[in-house]
């Protein structure tokens, strides 16, 4: 008898409340569910109802607590329906181990001596260093230096994503043959995961990628997901073998404007069913019209502005450009 073939469905999306109904529809058709998080000891207690969801979310320290609460309700439903549920994210699991070792007064040299933790420590250290450098430049440096800092962080972030996807793909492949179908939760920018998983499966399964919010995004943009300029720059460094300085500079410059136009916190009283996606589409449509020079002109005006002020500045600038172009 030929070995059992497993279908891995990668549900690529943001960790936002609006994505949960789409994730639920996919989960319902699979035997097992893999969450994009390291193993948490209280998971089974929460799934069985022995541990209150509120306690579980508090113990996790979730960045998006309302999302985590509603996802937990969904996972309880799936568990009761007989789905197997796993938490598999080796990079984050090892990163937690590193933090625990630092808390126990271990030194970087001691961590670097551990083959399993050393690569995680190195890529995380470089990404954190680049991010802190960006924050420093973003406060006071000239625009071109801030752009360079964005590019340096995107390169380090791309290396981190590459290694993170490779580790997770290896761990996911170990489930091949145990189930007919597995739904895998994944962030929308983990576009290296499908290929990495196929390589590790070596014919023992199939990989199918689904952009969960495609039904909302595709009618507006003609593509299945919204990729802001910062994400596009990171993916460029992750997959491209050749440099393209004008493109890199433009994406970095646009990302500085884009980030000022976005909601950062959970929207709990939405005006639509998909408020964050609507927000991302709006920012994308505005920022893609900006040249490098336009970003350079706008950045000092919005560097310390709030979201609404930044939106007003960008819209006013584009209106003035339109009037100039049409001679009105």
C-alpha atoms as a PDB file:
ATOM      1  CA  UNK A   1       0.000   0.000   0.000  1.00  0.00           C
ATOM      2  CA  UNK A   2       1.416   3.448  -0.917  1.00  0.00           C
ATOM      3  CA  UNK A   3       2.210   5.775   1.985  1.00  0.00           C
ATOM      4  CA  UNK A   4      -0.553   8.039   3.197  1.00  0.00           C
ATOM      5  CA  UNK A   5      -0.521  11.431   1.435  1.00  0.00           C
ATOM      6  CA  UNK A   6      -1.279  14.446   3.610  1.00  0.00           C
ATOM      7  CA  UNK A   7      -2.761  17.682   2.337  1.00  0.00           C
ATOM      8  CA  UNK A   8      -1.325  20.730   4.100  1.00  0.00           C
ATOM      9  CA  UNK A   9      -3.483  23.835   3.657  1.00  0.00           C
ATOM     10  CA  UNK A  10      -1.614  26.993   4.623  1.00  0.00           C
ATOM     11  CA  UNK A  11      -4.085  29.660   5.723  1.00  0.00           C
ATOM     12  CA  UNK A  12      -2.153  32.890   5.133  1.00  0.00           C
ATOM     13  CA  UNK A  13      -3.582  35.917   6.893  1.00  0.00           C
ATOM     14  CA  UNK A  14      -3.184  38.592   9.535  1.00  0.00           C
ATOM     15  CA  UNK A  15      -4.006  37.847  13.178  1.00  0.00           C
ATOM     16  CA  UNK A  16      -7.144  39.949  13.116  1.00  0.00           C
ATOM     17  CA  UNK A  17     -10.697  39.215  14.239  1.00  0.00           C
ATOM     18  CA  UNK A  18     -12.055  39.629  10.715  1.00  0.00           C
ATOM     19  CA  UNK A  19      -9.972  36.692   9.476  1.00  0.00           C
ATOM     20  CA  UNK A  20     -11.481  34.177  11.908  1.00  0.00           C
ATOM     21  CA  UNK A  21     -14.673  33.353   9.945  1.00  0.00           C
ATOM     22  CA  UNK A  22     -12.544  32.564   6.898  1.00  0.00           C
ATOM     23  CA  UNK A  23     -10.167  30.452   8.998  1.00  0.00           C
ATOM     24  CA  UNK A  24     -13.126  28.616  10.526  1.00  0.00           C
ATOM     25  CA  UNK A  25     -14.415  27.654   7.084  1.00  0.00           C
ATOM     26  CA  UNK A  26     -11.031  26.134   6.210  1.00  0.00           C
ATOM     27  CA  UNK A  27     -10.482  24.419   9.562  1.00  0.00           C
ATOM     28  CA  UNK A  28     -13.829  22.636   9.298  1.00  0.00           C
ATOM     29  CA  UNK A  29     -12.588  20.615   6.304  1.00  0.00           C
ATOM     30  CA  UNK A  30      -9.374  19.337   7.926  1.00  0.00           C
ATOM     31  CA  UNK A  31      -8.570  16.635  10.460  1.00  0.00           C
ATOM     32  CA  UNK A  32      -5.870  18.583  12.275  1.00  0.00           C
ATOM     33  CA  UNK A  33      -5.084  22.238  12.956  1.00  0.00           C
ATOM     34  CA  UNK A  34      -1.629  23.714  13.518  1.00  0.00           C
ATOM     35  CA  UNK A  35      -1.385  27.096  15.203  1.00  0.00           C
ATOM     36  CA  UNK A  36       1.394  29.584  14.519  1.00  0.00           C
ATOM     37  CA  UNK A  37       2.680  29.708  18.078  1.00  0.00           C
ATOM     38  CA  UNK A  38       5.028  27.810  20.381  1.00  0.00           C
ATOM     39  CA  UNK A  39       3.625  25.064  22.609  1.00  0.00           C
ATOM     40  CA  UNK A  40       1.746  26.462  25.601  1.00  0.00           C
ATOM     41  CA  UNK A  41       1.160  24.140  28.582  1.00  0.00           C
ATOM     42  CA  UNK A  42      -2.419  25.306  29.201  1.00  0.00           C
ATOM     43  CA  UNK A  43      -3.717  24.657  25.680  1.00  0.00           C
ATOM     44  CA  UNK A  44      -5.400  21.328  26.404  1.00  0.00           C
ATOM     45  CA  UNK A  45      -6.971  22.660  29.612  1.00  0.00           C
ATOM     46  CA  UNK A  46      -8.421  25.569  27.661  1.00  0.00           C
ATOM     47  CA  UNK A  47      -9.677  23.353  24.849  1.00  0.00           C
ATOM     48  CA  UNK A  48     -11.496  21.039  27.268  1.00  0.00           C
ATOM     49  CA  UNK A  49     -12.976  23.969  29.172  1.00  0.00           C
ATOM     50  CA  UNK A  50     -11.088  23.178  32.376  1.00  0.00           C
ATOM     51  CA  UNK A  51      -9.283  26.530  32.121  1.00  0.00           C
ATOM     52  CA  UNK A  52     -11.301  29.706  31.452  1.00  0.00           C
ATOM     53  CA  UNK A  53     -10.468  31.361  28.165  1.00  0.00           C
ATOM     54  CA  UNK A  54      -9.884  34.686  29.936  1.00  0.00           C
ATOM     55  CA  UNK A  55      -7.181  33.084  32.071  1.00  0.00           C
ATOM     56  CA  UNK A  56      -5.615  31.383  29.060  1.00  0.00           C
ATOM     57  CA  UNK A  57      -5.398  34.634  27.089  1.00  0.00           C
ATOM     58  CA  UNK A  58      -3.934  36.484  30.082  1.00  0.00           C
ATOM     59  CA  UNK A  59      -1.306  33.780  30.577  1.00  0.00           C
ATOM     60  CA  UNK A  60      -0.343  34.004  26.915  1.00  0.00           C
ATOM     61  CA  UNK A  61       0.132  37.760  27.101  1.00  0.00           C
ATOM     62  CA  UNK A  62      -1.429  38.150  23.660  1.00  0.00           C
ATOM     63  CA  UNK A  63      -0.709  41.273  21.611  1.00  0.00           C
ATOM     64  CA  UNK A  64      -4.292  41.116  20.326  1.00  0.00           C
ATOM     65  CA  UNK A  65      -6.387  39.863  23.274  1.00  0.00           C
ATOM     66  CA  UNK A  66      -9.804  40.074  21.625  1.00  0.00           C
ATOM     67  CA  UNK A  67      -8.534  38.110  18.627  1.00  0.00           C
ATOM     68  CA  UNK A  68      -7.008  35.512  20.947  1.00  0.00           C
ATOM     69  CA  UNK A  69     -10.239  35.233  22.939  1.00  0.00           C
ATOM     70  CA  UNK A  70     -12.390  34.678  19.868  1.00  0.00           C
ATOM     71  CA  UNK A  71      -9.863  32.293  18.356  1.00  0.00           C
ATOM     72  CA  UNK A  72      -9.899  30.273  21.575  1.00  0.00           C
ATOM     73  CA  UNK A  73     -13.690  29.953  21.321  1.00  0.00           C
ATOM     74  CA  UNK A  74     -13.272  28.741  17.740  1.00  0.00           C
ATOM     75  CA  UNK A  75     -10.594  26.248  18.762  1.00  0.00           C
ATOM     76  CA  UNK A  76     -12.818  24.850  21.500  1.00  0.00           C
ATOM     77  CA  UNK A  77     -15.493  24.288  18.865  1.00  0.00           C
ATOM     78  CA  UNK A  78     -13.019  22.532  16.570  1.00  0.00           C
ATOM     79  CA  UNK A  79     -11.678  20.398  19.411  1.00  0.00           C
ATOM     80  CA  UNK A  80     -15.183  19.289  20.336  1.00  0.00           C
ATOM     81  CA  UNK A  81     -15.709  18.348  16.684  1.00  0.00           C
ATOM     82  CA  UNK A  82     -12.777  15.940  16.939  1.00  0.00           C
ATOM     83  CA  UNK A  83      -9.987  17.995  15.383  1.00  0.00           C
ATOM     84  CA  UNK A  84      -6.440  17.486  16.592  1.00  0.00           C
ATOM     85  CA  UNK A  85      -4.837  20.822  17.509  1.00  0.00           C
ATOM     86  CA  UNK A  86      -1.105  21.498  17.653  1.00  0.00           C
ATOM     87  CA  UNK A  87       1.091  24.497  18.380  1.00  0.00           C
ATOM     88  CA  UNK A  88       4.154  24.413  16.108  1.00  0.00           C
ATOM     89  CA  UNK A  89       6.498  27.367  15.759  1.00  0.00           C
ATOM     90  CA  UNK A  90      10.067  26.176  16.475  1.00  0.00           C
ATOM     91  CA  UNK A  91      11.713  29.569  15.989  1.00  0.00           C
ATOM     92  CA  UNK A  92       9.523  31.267  18.593  1.00  0.00           C
ATOM     93  CA  UNK A  93       9.804  28.243  20.890  1.00  0.00           C
ATOM     94  CA  UNK A  94      13.603  28.483  20.800  1.00  0.00           C
ATOM     95  CA  UNK A  95      13.457  32.243  21.190  1.00  0.00           C
ATOM     96  CA  UNK A  96      11.486  31.776  24.418  1.00  0.00           C
ATOM     97  CA  UNK A  97      14.133  29.336  25.600  1.00  0.00           C
ATOM     98  CA  UNK A  98      16.792  31.975  24.923  1.00  0.00           C
ATOM     99  CA  UNK A  99      14.870  34.547  26.960  1.00  0.00           C
ATOM    100  CA  UNK A 100      14.504  32.052  29.805  1.00  0.00           C
ATOM    101  CA  UNK A 101      18.245  31.365  29.756  1.00  0.00           C
ATOM    102  CA  UNK A 102      18.989  35.092  29.895  1.00  0.00           C
ATOM    103  CA  UNK A 103      16.581  35.371  32.825  1.00  0.00           C
ATOM    104  CA  UNK A 104      18.660  32.663  34.534  1.00  0.00           C
ATOM    105  CA  UNK A 105      21.818  34.762  34.014  1.00  0.00           C
ATOM    106  CA  UNK A 106      23.285  32.786  31.131  1.00  0.00           C
ATOM    107  CA  UNK A 107      25.575  34.770  28.856  1.00  0.00           C
ATOM    108  CA  UNK A 108      25.360  35.232  25.079  1.00  0.00           C
ATOM    109  CA  UNK A 109      28.489  33.094  24.760  1.00  0.00           C
ATOM    110  CA  UNK A 110      26.795  30.221  26.582  1.00  0.00           C
ATOM    111  CA  UNK A 111      23.763  30.467  24.293  1.00  0.00           C
ATOM    112  CA  UNK A 112      25.944  30.694  21.188  1.00  0.00           C
ATOM    113  CA  UNK A 113      27.556  27.412  22.228  1.00  0.00           C
ATOM    114  CA  UNK A 114      24.209  25.587  21.851  1.00  0.00           C
ATOM    115  CA  UNK A 115      23.767  24.399  18.227  1.00  0.00           C
ATOM    116  CA  UNK A 116      19.955  24.483  18.385  1.00  0.00           C
ATOM    117  CA  UNK A 117      19.739  28.007  19.794  1.00  0.00           C
ATOM    118  CA  UNK A 118      22.739  29.708  18.206  1.00  0.00           C
ATOM    119  CA  UNK A 119      21.217  30.369  14.729  1.00  0.00           C
ATOM    120  CA  UNK A 120      18.000  31.711  16.273  1.00  0.00           C
ATOM    121  CA  UNK A 121      19.966  33.987  18.571  1.00  0.00           C
ATOM    122  CA  UNK A 122      22.075  35.302  15.685  1.00  0.00           C
ATOM    123  CA  UNK A 123      19.251  36.179  13.287  1.00  0.00           C
ATOM    124  CA  UNK A 124      17.096  37.602  16.081  1.00  0.00           C
ATOM    125  CA  UNK A 125      19.986  39.687  17.374  1.00  0.00           C
ATOM    126  CA  UNK A 126      20.658  41.147  13.924  1.00  0.00           C
ATOM    127  CA  UNK A 127      16.977  41.918  13.318  1.00  0.00           C
ATOM    128  CA  UNK A 128      16.590  43.536  16.741  1.00  0.00           C
ATOM    129  CA  UNK A 129      19.755  45.579  16.255  1.00  0.00           C
ATOM    130  CA  UNK A 130      18.524  46.787  12.856  1.00  0.00           C
ATOM    131  CA  UNK A 131      15.098  47.649  14.251  1.00  0.00           C
ATOM    132  CA  UNK A 132      16.570  49.675  17.123  1.00  0.00           C
ATOM    133  CA  UNK A 133      18.816  51.448  14.626  1.00  0.00           C
ATOM    134  CA  UNK A 134      15.745  52.323  12.556  1.00  0.00           C
ATOM    135  CA  UNK A 135      13.922  53.691  15.610  1.00  0.00           C
ATOM    136  CA  UNK A 136      16.918  55.870  16.445  1.00  0.00           C
ATOM    137  CA  UNK A 137      17.164  57.282  12.912  1.00  0.00           C
ATOM    138  CA  UNK A 138      13.402  57.738  12.587  1.00  0.00           C
ATOM    139  CA  UNK A 139      13.410  60.267  15.416  1.00  0.00           C
ATOM    140  CA  UNK A 140      15.899  62.785  14.072  1.00  0.00           C
ATOM    141  CA  UNK A 141      17.946  61.676  11.060  1.00  0.00           C
ATOM    142  CA  UNK A 142      17.668  63.030   7.496  1.00  0.00           C
ATOM    143  CA  UNK A 143      15.232  61.180   5.267  1.00  0.00           C
ATOM    144  CA  UNK A 144      17.847  59.288   3.241  1.00  0.00           C
ATOM    145  CA  UNK A 145      19.410  57.890   6.426  1.00  0.00           C
ATOM    146  CA  UNK A 146      16.012  56.731   7.635  1.00  0.00           C
ATOM    147  CA  UNK A 147      15.469  55.029   4.258  1.00  0.00           C
ATOM    148  CA  UNK A 148      18.795  53.213   4.628  1.00  0.00           C
ATOM    149  CA  UNK A 149      17.799  52.108   8.118  1.00  0.00           C
ATOM    150  CA  UNK A 150      14.531  50.711   6.730  1.00  0.00           C
ATOM    151  CA  UNK A 151      16.436  48.740   4.104  1.00  0.00           C
ATOM    152  CA  UNK A 152      18.887  47.357   6.651  1.00  0.00           C
ATOM    153  CA  UNK A 153      16.045  46.182   8.859  1.00  0.00           C
ATOM    154  CA  UNK A 154      14.207  44.624   5.901  1.00  0.00           C
ATOM    155  CA  UNK A 155      17.332  42.642   4.991  1.00  0.00           C
ATOM    156  CA  UNK A 156      17.704  41.366   8.547  1.00  0.00           C
ATOM    157  CA  UNK A 157      13.986  40.609   8.745  1.00  0.00           C
ATOM    158  CA  UNK A 158      14.154  38.669   5.477  1.00  0.00           C
ATOM    159  CA  UNK A 159      16.941  36.508   6.882  1.00  0.00           C
ATOM    160  CA  UNK A 160      14.881  35.912  10.016  1.00  0.00           C
ATOM    161  CA  UNK A 161      11.803  34.909   7.980  1.00  0.00           C
ATOM    162  CA  UNK A 162      13.902  32.601   5.814  1.00  0.00           C
ATOM    163  CA  UNK A 163      15.232  30.703   8.807  1.00  0.00           C
ATOM    164  CA  UNK A 164      11.925  30.762  10.668  1.00  0.00           C
ATOM    165  CA  UNK A 165      10.069  29.281   7.679  1.00  0.00           C
ATOM    166  CA  UNK A 166      12.737  26.604   7.230  1.00  0.00           C
ATOM    167  CA  UNK A 167      12.468  25.489  10.863  1.00  0.00           C
ATOM    168  CA  UNK A 168       8.682  25.411  10.790  1.00  0.00           C
ATOM    169  CA  UNK A 169       8.551  23.542   7.489  1.00  0.00           C
ATOM    170  CA  UNK A 170      10.784  20.823   8.920  1.00  0.00           C
ATOM    171  CA  UNK A 171       8.571  20.474  11.989  1.00  0.00           C
ATOM    172  CA  UNK A 172       5.353  20.449   9.965  1.00  0.00           C
ATOM    173  CA  UNK A 173       6.684  17.766   7.617  1.00  0.00           C
ATOM    174  CA  UNK A 174       6.975  15.430  10.604  1.00  0.00           C
ATOM    175  CA  UNK A 175       3.151  15.279  10.661  1.00  0.00           C
ATOM    176  CA  UNK A 176       2.972  13.900   7.112  1.00  0.00           C
ATOM    177  CA  UNK A 177       1.220  10.545   7.001  1.00  0.00           C
ATOM    178  CA  UNK A 178      -0.508  10.996  10.356  1.00  0.00           C
ATOM    179  CA  UNK A 179      -3.565  12.786   8.936  1.00  0.00           C
ATOM    180  CA  UNK A 180      -5.256  13.090   5.580  1.00  0.00           C
ATOM    181  CA  UNK A 181      -5.500  16.871   5.876  1.00  0.00           C
ATOM    182  CA  UNK A 182      -3.937  19.537   8.109  1.00  0.00           C
ATOM    183  CA  UNK A 183      -4.799  23.208   8.307  1.00  0.00           C
ATOM    184  CA  UNK A 184      -1.757  25.375   9.099  1.00  0.00           C
ATOM    185  CA  UNK A 185      -2.137  28.897  10.463  1.00  0.00           C
ATOM    186  CA  UNK A 186       0.473  31.228   8.946  1.00  0.00           C
ATOM    187  CA  UNK A 187       1.114  34.939   8.740  1.00  0.00           C
ATOM    188  CA  UNK A 188       0.448  36.388   5.291  1.00  0.00           C
ATOM    189  CA  UNK A 189       4.109  37.323   4.765  1.00  0.00           C
ATOM    190  CA  UNK A 190       5.380  33.764   5.238  1.00  0.00           C
ATOM    191  CA  UNK A 191       5.543  33.189   1.502  1.00  0.00           C
ATOM    192  CA  UNK A 192       8.669  31.101   1.856  1.00  0.00           C
ATOM    193  CA  UNK A 193       6.842  28.489   3.924  1.00  0.00           C
ATOM    194  CA  UNK A 194       5.013  26.682   1.067  1.00  0.00           C
ATOM    195  CA  UNK A 195       8.202  26.008  -0.887  1.00  0.00           C
ATOM    196  CA  UNK A 196      10.159  25.042   2.217  1.00  0.00           C
ATOM    197  CA  UNK A 197       7.425  22.624   3.268  1.00  0.00           C
ATOM    198  CA  UNK A 198       7.310  20.998  -0.175  1.00  0.00           C
ATOM    199  CA  UNK A 199      11.063  20.422  -0.013  1.00  0.00           C
ATOM    200  CA  UNK A 200      10.853  18.781   3.395  1.00  0.00           C
ATOM    201  CA  UNK A 201       7.854  16.638   2.461  1.00  0.00           C
ATOM    202  CA  UNK A 202       9.765  15.006  -0.414  1.00  0.00           C
ATOM    203  CA  UNK A 203       6.587  13.768  -2.053  1.00  0.00           C
ATOM    204  CA  UNK A 204       4.877  12.636   1.165  1.00  0.00           C
ATOM    205  CA  UNK A 205       2.189  15.278   0.914  1.00  0.00           C
ATOM    206  CA  UNK A 206       0.749  18.199  -0.981  1.00  0.00           C
ATOM    207  CA  UNK A 207       0.791  21.893  -0.084  1.00  0.00           C
ATOM    208  CA  UNK A 208      -2.064  24.255  -0.854  1.00  0.00           C
ATOM    209  CA  UNK A 209      -1.891  27.956   0.035  1.00  0.00           C
ATOM    210  CA  UNK A 210      -5.027  29.968   0.767  1.00  0.00           C
ATOM    211  CA  UNK A 211      -5.076  33.722   1.344  1.00  0.00           C
ATOM    212  CA  UNK A 212      -7.972  33.857   3.766  1.00  0.00           C
ATOM    213  CA  UNK A 213      -9.033  37.420   3.014  1.00  0.00           C
ATOM    214  CA  UNK A 214      -8.806  37.052  -0.776  1.00  0.00           C
ATOM    215  CA  UNK A 215     -12.627  37.302  -1.171  1.00  0.00           C
ATOM    216  CA  UNK A 216     -12.388  40.801   0.327  1.00  0.00           C
ATOM    217  CA  UNK A 217      -9.130  41.974  -1.235  1.00  0.00           C
ATOM    218  CA  UNK A 218      -9.292  40.582  -4.766  1.00  0.00           C
ATOM    219  CA  UNK A 219     -12.351  42.612  -5.894  1.00  0.00           C
ATOM    220  CA  UNK A 220     -10.583  45.801  -4.789  1.00  0.00           C
ATOM    221  CA  UNK A 221      -6.979  45.189  -5.859  1.00  0.00           C
ATOM    222  CA  UNK A 222      -7.088  42.263  -8.276  1.00  0.00           C
ATOM    223  CA  UNK A 223      -4.705  40.293  -6.038  1.00  0.00           C
ATOM    224  CA  UNK A 224      -5.442  37.886  -3.168  1.00  0.00           C
ATOM    225  CA  UNK A 225      -3.716  39.880  -0.431  1.00  0.00           C
ATOM    226  CA  UNK A 226      -2.578  43.366   0.515  1.00  0.00           C
ATOM    227  CA  UNK A 227       1.185  43.707   0.615  1.00  0.00           C
ATOM    228  CA  UNK A 228       2.373  47.070   1.852  1.00  0.00           C
ATOM    229  CA  UNK A 229       5.692  48.492   0.663  1.00  0.00           C
ATOM    230  CA  UNK A 230       7.534  47.328   3.786  1.00  0.00           C
ATOM    231  CA  UNK A 231       6.356  43.745   3.263  1.00  0.00           C
ATOM    232  CA  UNK A 232       7.238  43.917  -0.414  1.00  0.00           C
ATOM    233  CA  UNK A 233      10.730  45.140   0.435  1.00  0.00           C
ATOM    234  CA  UNK A 234      11.249  42.306   2.919  1.00  0.00           C
ATOM    235  CA  UNK A 235      10.058  39.760   0.367  1.00  0.00           C
ATOM    236  CA  UNK A 236      12.324  41.304  -2.274  1.00  0.00           C
ATOM    237  CA  UNK A 237      15.335  40.706  -0.030  1.00  0.00           C
ATOM    238  CA  UNK A 238      14.108  37.229   0.822  1.00  0.00           C
ATOM    239  CA  UNK A 239      13.668  36.008  -2.741  1.00  0.00           C
ATOM    240  CA  UNK A 240      15.639  38.256  -5.113  1.00  0.00           C
ATOM    241  CA  UNK A 241      19.226  37.463  -6.036  1.00  0.00           C
ATOM    242  CA  UNK A 242      19.971  40.836  -7.641  1.00  0.00           C
ATOM    243  CA  UNK A 243      19.835  44.365  -6.282  1.00  0.00           C
ATOM    244  CA  UNK A 244      17.506  47.008  -7.680  1.00  0.00           C
ATOM    245  CA  UNK A 245      18.419  50.209  -5.878  1.00  0.00           C
ATOM    246  CA  UNK A 246      15.630  52.446  -7.258  1.00  0.00           C
ATOM    247  CA  UNK A 247      12.992  49.862  -6.332  1.00  0.00           C
ATOM    248  CA  UNK A 248      14.487  49.261  -2.894  1.00  0.00           C
ATOM    249  CA  UNK A 249      14.668  52.971  -2.146  1.00  0.00           C
ATOM    250  CA  UNK A 250      11.108  53.585  -3.327  1.00  0.00           C
ATOM    251  CA  UNK A 251       9.641  50.739  -1.269  1.00  0.00           C
ATOM    252  CA  UNK A 252      11.572  51.835   1.813  1.00  0.00           C
ATOM    253  CA  UNK A 253      10.424  55.439   1.357  1.00  0.00           C
ATOM    254  CA  UNK A 254       6.807  54.417   0.794  1.00  0.00           C
ATOM    255  CA  UNK A 255       6.892  52.176   3.859  1.00  0.00           C
ATOM    256  CA  UNK A 256       7.708  55.202   6.028  1.00  0.00           C
ATOM    257  CA  UNK A 257       4.510  56.849   4.861  1.00  0.00           C
ATOM    258  CA  UNK A 258       2.421  53.682   4.870  1.00  0.00           C
ATOM    259  CA  UNK A 259       3.100  52.865   8.510  1.00  0.00           C
ATOM    260  CA  UNK A 260       1.757  56.263   9.581  1.00  0.00           C
ATOM    261  CA  UNK A 261      -1.573  55.591   7.828  1.00  0.00           C
ATOM    262  CA  UNK A 262      -2.376  52.304   9.544  1.00  0.00           C
ATOM    263  CA  UNK A 263      -4.357  51.369  12.633  1.00  0.00           C
ATOM    264  CA  UNK A 264      -2.087  49.567  15.084  1.00  0.00           C
ATOM    265  CA  UNK A 265      -4.569  48.487  17.758  1.00  0.00           C
ATOM    266  CA  UNK A 266      -7.516  46.122  17.425  1.00  0.00           C
ATOM    267  CA  UNK A 267     -10.637  47.798  16.072  1.00  0.00           C
ATOM    268  CA  UNK A 268     -13.367  46.629  18.461  1.00  0.00           C
ATOM    269  CA  UNK A 269     -16.257  48.774  17.169  1.00  0.00           C
ATOM    270  CA  UNK A 270     -15.836  48.409  13.415  1.00  0.00           C
ATOM    271  CA  UNK A 271     -17.767  50.255  10.747  1.00  0.00           C
ATOM    272  CA  UNK A 272     -17.471  47.198   8.487  1.00  0.00           C
ATOM    273  CA  UNK A 273     -16.880  43.468   8.832  1.00  0.00           C
ATOM    274  CA  UNK A 274     -13.255  43.832   7.718  1.00  0.00           C
ATOM    275  CA  UNK A 275     -11.977  47.142   9.143  1.00  0.00           C
ATOM    276  CA  UNK A 276      -8.271  46.314   9.165  1.00  0.00           C
ATOM    277  CA  UNK A 277      -8.343  45.017   5.610  1.00  0.00           C
ATOM    278  CA  UNK A 278     -10.211  48.139   4.520  1.00  0.00           C
ATOM    279  CA  UNK A 279      -7.560  50.216   6.283  1.00  0.00           C
ATOM    280  CA  UNK A 280      -4.729  48.339   4.564  1.00  0.00           C
ATOM    281  CA  UNK A 281      -6.344  48.689   1.137  1.00  0.00           C
ATOM    282  CA  UNK A 282      -6.868  52.413   1.663  1.00  0.00           C
ATOM    283  CA  UNK A 283      -3.229  52.942   2.668  1.00  0.00           C
ATOM    284  CA  UNK A 284      -2.001  50.815  -0.238  1.00  0.00           C
ATOM    285  CA  UNK A 285      -3.996  52.787  -2.806  1.00  0.00           C
ATOM    286  CA  UNK A 286      -2.696  56.087  -1.440  1.00  0.00           C
ATOM    287  CA  UNK A 287       0.948  55.177  -0.990  1.00  0.00           C
ATOM    288  CA  UNK A 288       1.431  53.441  -4.321  1.00  0.00           C
ATOM    289  CA  UNK A 289       0.881  56.846  -5.976  1.00  0.00           C
ATOM    290  CA  UNK A 290       3.829  58.428  -4.150  1.00  0.00           C
ATOM    291  CA  UNK A 291       7.238  58.818  -5.744  1.00  0.00           C
ATOM    292  CA  UNK A 292      10.450  58.780  -3.739  1.00  0.00           C
ATOM    293  CA  UNK A 293      10.540  62.573  -3.896  1.00  0.00           C
ATOM    294  CA  UNK A 294       6.944  62.789  -2.692  1.00  0.00           C
ATOM    295  CA  UNK A 295       7.738  60.574   0.293  1.00  0.00           C
ATOM    296  CA  UNK A 296      10.772  62.706   1.059  1.00  0.00           C
ATOM    297  CA  UNK A 297       8.582  65.811   1.051  1.00  0.00           C
ATOM    298  CA  UNK A 298       5.814  64.268   3.145  1.00  0.00           C
ATOM    299  CA  UNK A 299       7.897  62.485   5.765  1.00  0.00           C
ATOM    300  CA  UNK A 300       8.919  65.581   7.792  1.00  0.00           C
ATOM    301  CA  UNK A 301       5.257  66.637   7.850  1.00  0.00           C
ATOM    302  CA  UNK A 302       3.978  63.342   9.274  1.00  0.00           C
ATOM    303  CA  UNK A 303       6.980  61.982  11.171  1.00  0.00           C
ATOM    304  CA  UNK A 304       5.354  62.768  14.532  1.00  0.00           C
ATOM    305  CA  UNK A 305       1.735  63.039  13.351  1.00  0.00           C
ATOM    306  CA  UNK A 306      -1.090  60.738  14.391  1.00  0.00           C
ATOM    307  CA  UNK A 307      -2.919  58.589  11.872  1.00  0.00           C
ATOM    308  CA  UNK A 308      -5.647  61.082  11.024  1.00  0.00           C
ATOM    309  CA  UNK A 309      -3.178  63.925  10.598  1.00  0.00           C
ATOM    310  CA  UNK A 310      -0.988  61.785   8.365  1.00  0.00           C
ATOM    311  CA  UNK A 311      -3.967  60.741   6.217  1.00  0.00           C
ATOM    312  CA  UNK A 312      -4.941  64.385   5.769  1.00  0.00           C
ATOM    313  CA  UNK A 313      -1.426  65.378   4.734  1.00  0.00           C
ATOM    314  CA  UNK A 314      -1.122  62.569   2.182  1.00  0.00           C
ATOM    315  CA  UNK A 315      -4.570  63.166   0.712  1.00  0.00           C
ATOM    316  CA  UNK A 316      -3.967  66.907   0.452  1.00  0.00           C
ATOM    317  CA  UNK A 317      -0.650  66.314  -1.249  1.00  0.00           C
ATOM    318  CA  UNK A 318      -2.173  63.948  -3.804  1.00  0.00           C
ATOM    319  CA  UNK A 319      -5.030  66.375  -4.490  1.00  0.00           C
ATOM    320  CA  UNK A 320      -2.550  69.173  -5.098  1.00  0.00           C
ATOM    321  CA  UNK A 321      -0.611  66.931  -7.482  1.00  0.00           C
ATOM    322  CA  UNK A 322      -3.792  66.044  -9.325  1.00  0.00           C
ATOM    323  CA  UNK A 323      -4.724  69.720  -9.687  1.00  0.00           C
ATOM    324  CA  UNK A 324      -1.251  70.506 -10.953  1.00  0.00           C
ATOM    325  CA  UNK A 325      -1.266  67.632 -13.442  1.00  0.00           C
ATOM    326  CA  UNK A 326      -4.669  68.583 -14.818  1.00  0.00           C
ATOM    327  CA  UNK A 327      -3.973  72.332 -14.756  1.00  0.00           C
ATOM    328  CA  UNK A 328      -6.868  73.186 -12.445  1.00  0.00           C
END
